[in-house]
Every structure is written in structure tokens, then in C-alpha cells.
């Protein structure tokens, strides 16, 4: 498969880091961002050019606009955009969750996704080629107690993605991807020590990345899962 230009948000930990390393290992070029300077510096040292990483807060529209302008000028439109950056609330009943915490979950998971689409989609649409992967969750299609803000955000991602898919040329695709249960910091915040019973991000990425690379126009608007996770 010819090398793809892959853009990933939230690249410094969890699934973002694992996907970054797996795409690079398979010969694809990764452009990424995170709010963590230390993690970005580490990825720059580890992978180097042609991969390119920046400290960007996806909730800040102007910051995403500047980042998109820089990358589009230096690399051109990406072939795949993976809106992976995400946060979850601390386990608590909805009325016990502070407004600031509720808002942060929506800002990162929903607004961050929309901001990235806003500034990368126009050039990709002009070219009539490209795939958007918006990371969802099993909790974007079902619910559970004490994660209401997170469920709210991922149900929103599912709806946003389906509507967005209807706006794209038929040669492009947008899918909401449920990665399954993986032993990440996010899962540990909900499941505690029992998160150790699930596969690691690296194991997940080795299974998921080849499937992501096969997503095309025929998948657009459909919910997407990684089998066996």
C-alpha cells in the first residue's frame, strides 16, 4: 500500500501514541498534535522527519486554524484524519460533576473534533479524497452510570459524524469508530485495576491500523468497530 499522510490528534498517550507508532512502522507519515509539550518533544526525537508533531489544544479554534495552515502548506491535505483527542470525567453521578469538568469533556471530545474538521476538510473536499475517523466509544451507542458527560459527548460524536458524512463528496468518507475496551489511562479511571484484563494500546493498534487503512467511501456514515475488542 502506498504511504499515506495521516493526521492524528492526541498523539502523546494511549491509542493516539500507539496508532502514531504503528502507522509510522508501516511506512506512513504521521502529523500529530497534543497539549503535552514533553510528549510532543519525545515523539519528535523518537520518530523525526518526515513525521511532524506540534503542541496544539484542539479546543482552541484559532490554534487549530494556524496548525492546519502550517501543515497544509508544508505537507498538503492529509489522506486520513483521526480525531482521537479525548477526555473522560471522574466517575460520579451527573449532579455531582462540576460544570467545569462537564464542559471540558464536551469541549475536547466534541468541539475539538469539529474544530479539526473545520480547518482540514475544505482542502480535502476540494481534492475530493480523504477519510475522517472520529473516535467514538461503546458509550457512544450505550450508556452507563457515572459517565454521563462522556456518554453525552460520544453520542454527539456519533450524530455529528453521520451528518458530516452526508455533506461529503461520494468519493470521501467519515466514520465514527468504537475502538472497544483497551487498557488505557481513560479505562483505568473508570474500571480501576480491572482495566489490566484488557489488551494494551500497542496490541490494539496492530489490529486496528490495518483496518483503518481499508476504510473507504463505502463505509461513510456507518458505525465502525474493531472486531474482537
Protein backbone atom coordinates (compact mmCIF):
# COMPACT_ATOMS: atom_id res chain seq x y z
CA UNK A 1 0.00 0.00 0.00
CA UNK A 2 1.42 3.42 -0.93
CA UNK A 3 2.35 5.56 2.05
CA UNK A 4 -0.49 7.65 3.46
CA UNK A 5 -0.37 11.05 5.11
CA UNK A 6 -2.16 10.52 8.43
CA UNK A 7 -3.17 13.27 10.85
CA UNK A 8 -3.89 12.24 14.46
CA UNK A 9 -4.88 14.37 17.44
CA UNK A 10 -3.96 13.36 20.97
CA UNK A 11 -0.77 11.57 19.92
CA UNK A 12 1.23 11.52 23.15
CA UNK A 13 -0.52 8.75 25.07
CA UNK A 14 -2.93 5.85 24.86
CA UNK A 15 -4.41 4.96 21.50
CA UNK A 16 -3.05 8.11 19.84
CA UNK A 17 0.53 7.22 20.70
CA UNK A 18 0.05 3.58 19.73
CA UNK A 19 -1.53 4.48 16.36
CA UNK A 20 1.21 7.00 15.66
CA UNK A 21 3.93 4.42 16.18
CA UNK A 22 2.10 1.72 14.21
CA UNK A 23 1.34 3.94 11.20
CA UNK A 24 4.99 5.04 11.19
CA UNK A 25 6.19 1.43 11.48
CA UNK A 26 4.12 0.52 8.42
CA UNK A 27 5.72 3.30 6.38
CA UNK A 28 3.08 6.02 6.59
CA UNK A 29 3.76 9.65 7.52
CA UNK A 30 2.11 10.91 10.69
CA UNK A 31 1.26 14.50 11.54
CA UNK A 32 0.05 14.91 15.10
CA UNK A 33 -0.75 17.18 17.99
CA UNK A 34 -1.23 17.12 21.74
CA UNK A 35 -1.48 19.56 24.63
CA UNK A 36 1.59 17.93 26.26
CA UNK A 37 4.88 19.57 25.30
CA UNK A 38 7.04 16.85 26.86
CA UNK A 39 5.24 14.15 24.89
CA UNK A 40 5.50 16.11 21.64
CA UNK A 41 9.24 16.66 22.13
CA UNK A 42 9.66 12.96 22.83
CA UNK A 43 7.84 11.97 19.62
CA UNK A 44 9.92 14.40 17.60
CA UNK A 45 13.09 12.79 18.93
CA UNK A 46 11.77 9.27 18.53
CA UNK A 47 10.35 9.45 15.00
CA UNK A 48 11.80 12.58 13.38
CA UNK A 49 11.06 13.74 9.81
CA UNK A 50 9.02 13.27 7.70
CA UNK A 51 6.69 12.90 10.73
CA UNK A 52 5.72 16.21 12.30
CA UNK A 53 4.28 16.95 15.75
CA UNK A 54 3.06 20.16 17.40
CA UNK A 55 1.64 21.26 20.72
CA UNK A 56 -1.95 22.26 19.90
CA UNK A 57 -5.08 22.43 22.03
CA UNK A 58 -7.87 21.27 19.73
CA UNK A 59 -10.48 23.17 21.77
CA UNK A 60 -8.87 26.44 20.61
CA UNK A 61 -10.22 27.19 17.14
CA UNK A 62 -7.56 29.77 16.25
CA UNK A 63 -4.78 27.39 17.31
CA UNK A 64 -6.21 24.63 15.11
CA UNK A 65 -6.57 27.10 12.24
CA UNK A 66 -2.89 28.08 12.50
CA UNK A 67 -1.78 24.46 12.77
CA UNK A 68 -3.87 23.46 9.75
CA UNK A 69 -2.48 26.33 7.67
CA UNK A 70 1.06 25.30 8.56
CA UNK A 71 0.54 21.63 7.72
CA UNK A 72 -1.48 22.19 4.57
CA UNK A 73 1.26 24.46 3.24
CA UNK A 74 4.09 22.10 4.16
CA UNK A 75 2.52 18.69 3.52
CA UNK A 76 -0.73 19.20 1.63
CA UNK A 77 -4.09 17.69 2.61
CA UNK A 78 -3.94 14.51 4.70
CA UNK A 79 -5.31 11.23 3.39
CA UNK A 80 -6.67 10.24 6.81
CA UNK A 81 -7.71 12.44 9.73
CA UNK A 82 -8.18 10.70 13.09
CA UNK A 83 -9.92 12.82 15.70
CA UNK A 84 -8.58 10.91 18.68
CA UNK A 85 -8.04 13.56 21.37
CA UNK A 86 -10.43 12.86 24.23
CA UNK A 87 -11.00 13.09 27.97
CA UNK A 88 -13.42 11.46 30.41
CA UNK A 89 -14.99 12.67 33.63
CA UNK A 90 -14.10 11.19 37.01
CA UNK A 91 -16.66 8.58 37.98
CA UNK A 92 -19.56 10.40 39.66
CA UNK A 93 -23.30 10.85 39.41
CA UNK A 94 -24.27 13.60 36.98
CA UNK A 95 -25.39 16.06 39.66
CA UNK A 96 -22.07 15.64 41.46
CA UNK A 97 -19.95 16.61 38.44
CA UNK A 98 -18.80 20.25 38.42
CA UNK A 99 -19.78 22.42 35.48
CA UNK A 100 -16.14 22.95 34.54
CA UNK A 101 -15.49 19.21 34.32
CA UNK A 102 -18.66 18.57 32.32
CA UNK A 103 -17.74 21.38 29.91
CA UNK A 104 -14.17 20.15 29.40
CA UNK A 105 -15.40 16.75 28.27
CA UNK A 106 -17.69 18.34 25.68
CA UNK A 107 -15.05 20.87 24.61
CA UNK A 108 -12.36 18.30 23.91
CA UNK A 109 -14.44 15.41 22.60
CA UNK A 110 -16.99 17.33 20.52
CA UNK A 111 -15.77 20.84 19.86
CA UNK A 112 -12.20 19.63 19.30
CA UNK A 113 -13.43 17.22 16.65
CA UNK A 114 -15.45 19.95 14.93
CA UNK A 115 -12.51 22.38 15.00
CA UNK A 116 -10.21 19.92 13.26
CA UNK A 117 -12.84 19.16 10.63
CA UNK A 118 -13.45 22.88 10.09
CA UNK A 119 -9.88 23.62 9.10
CA UNK A 120 -8.81 20.43 7.30
CA UNK A 121 -11.99 19.42 5.48
CA UNK A 122 -12.11 22.25 2.88
CA UNK A 123 -8.82 21.28 1.19
CA UNK A 124 -9.68 17.59 1.35
CA UNK A 125 -13.12 18.24 -0.13
CA UNK A 126 -11.55 20.36 -2.86
CA UNK A 127 -9.39 17.37 -3.72
CA UNK A 128 -12.41 15.03 -3.29
CA UNK A 129 -10.30 12.50 -1.43
CA UNK A 130 -9.79 11.56 2.20
CA UNK A 131 -11.19 9.78 5.23
CA UNK A 132 -12.21 11.20 8.61
CA UNK A 133 -12.17 8.86 11.61
CA UNK A 134 -13.90 10.35 14.65
CA UNK A 135 -13.17 8.30 17.74
CA UNK A 136 -16.37 7.26 19.49
CA UNK A 137 -16.93 4.63 22.18
CA UNK A 138 -19.21 1.83 23.23
CA UNK A 139 -20.60 4.60 25.42
CA UNK A 140 -21.47 6.50 22.25
CA UNK A 141 -24.02 3.77 21.49
CA UNK A 142 -24.98 2.69 25.00
CA UNK A 143 -24.82 4.25 28.47
CA UNK A 144 -23.65 3.55 32.00
CA UNK A 145 -23.85 5.21 35.38
CA UNK A 146 -21.27 7.78 36.49
CA UNK A 147 -20.02 8.60 32.96
CA UNK A 148 -22.94 10.73 31.76
CA UNK A 149 -20.75 13.60 30.43
CA UNK A 150 -18.62 11.18 28.46
CA UNK A 151 -21.68 9.35 27.08
CA UNK A 152 -23.14 12.71 26.11
CA UNK A 153 -20.00 13.66 24.20
CA UNK A 154 -19.65 10.37 22.34
CA UNK A 155 -23.32 10.19 21.38
CA UNK A 156 -22.72 13.68 19.96
CA UNK A 157 -19.71 12.45 18.01
CA UNK A 158 -21.84 9.68 16.50
CA UNK A 159 -24.52 12.14 15.37
CA UNK A 160 -22.01 14.72 14.18
CA UNK A 161 -20.23 12.09 12.10
CA UNK A 162 -23.38 10.80 10.44
CA UNK A 163 -24.47 14.32 9.48
CA UNK A 164 -20.95 15.25 8.32
CA UNK A 165 -20.79 12.11 6.15
CA UNK A 166 -23.90 13.31 4.29
CA UNK A 167 -22.11 16.57 3.44
CA UNK A 168 -19.01 14.99 1.92
CA UNK A 169 -18.46 14.07 -1.74
CA UNK A 170 -19.27 10.45 -2.50
CA UNK A 171 -15.56 9.77 -3.00
CA UNK A 172 -14.79 10.56 0.67
CA UNK A 173 -15.76 9.03 4.00
CA UNK A 174 -16.44 9.90 7.61
CA UNK A 175 -16.91 7.20 10.22
CA UNK A 176 -17.35 7.09 13.98
CA UNK A 177 -15.05 4.39 15.32
CA UNK A 178 -15.73 2.48 18.52
CA UNK A 179 -12.27 1.19 19.49
CA UNK A 180 -13.55 -1.23 22.14
CA UNK A 181 -12.16 -1.65 25.64
CA UNK A 182 -8.39 -1.09 25.85
CA UNK A 183 -6.14 -0.79 28.88
CA UNK A 184 -5.56 2.97 28.77
CA UNK A 185 -5.46 5.70 31.41
CA UNK A 186 -9.03 6.52 30.45
CA UNK A 187 -10.26 2.98 31.04
CA UNK A 188 -8.35 2.76 34.32
CA UNK A 189 -10.09 5.92 35.52
CA UNK A 190 -13.40 4.06 35.16
CA UNK A 191 -12.53 0.41 35.78
CA UNK A 192 -9.59 0.70 38.17
CA UNK A 193 -7.30 -2.33 38.38
CA UNK A 194 -9.68 -4.47 36.30
CA UNK A 195 -8.54 -2.49 33.23
CA UNK A 196 -5.49 -4.77 33.27
CA UNK A 197 -7.73 -7.54 31.91
CA UNK A 198 -7.96 -5.76 28.55
CA UNK A 199 -5.48 -5.54 25.67
CA UNK A 200 -2.80 -2.85 25.59
CA UNK A 201 -2.88 0.14 23.22
CA UNK A 202 0.01 -1.35 21.23
CA UNK A 203 -1.81 -4.65 20.78
CA UNK A 204 -4.92 -2.76 19.75
CA UNK A 205 -3.06 -0.60 17.22
CA UNK A 206 -1.51 -3.62 15.50
CA UNK A 207 -5.03 -4.95 14.97
CA UNK A 208 -6.78 -1.64 14.26
CA UNK A 209 -4.44 0.29 11.98
CA UNK A 210 -4.64 -2.16 9.02
CA UNK A 211 -8.45 -1.99 9.27
CA UNK A 212 -8.42 1.82 9.43
CA UNK A 213 -6.31 1.90 6.28
CA UNK A 214 -9.05 -0.03 4.44
CA UNK A 215 -11.89 2.36 5.34
CA UNK A 216 -13.29 3.97 2.22
CA UNK A 217 -16.33 5.70 0.69
CA UNK A 218 -18.49 2.59 1.06
CA UNK A 219 -18.14 2.87 4.84
CA UNK A 220 -19.08 6.52 5.11
CA UNK A 221 -21.65 7.34 7.77
CA UNK A 222 -21.68 3.82 9.17
CA UNK A 223 -20.68 2.94 12.73
CA UNK A 224 -17.30 1.20 12.70
CA UNK A 225 -15.93 -1.25 15.28
CA UNK A 226 -12.65 -3.07 15.68
CA UNK A 227 -13.61 -6.76 15.65
CA UNK A 228 -12.64 -8.83 18.66
CA UNK A 229 -12.05 -5.88 21.03
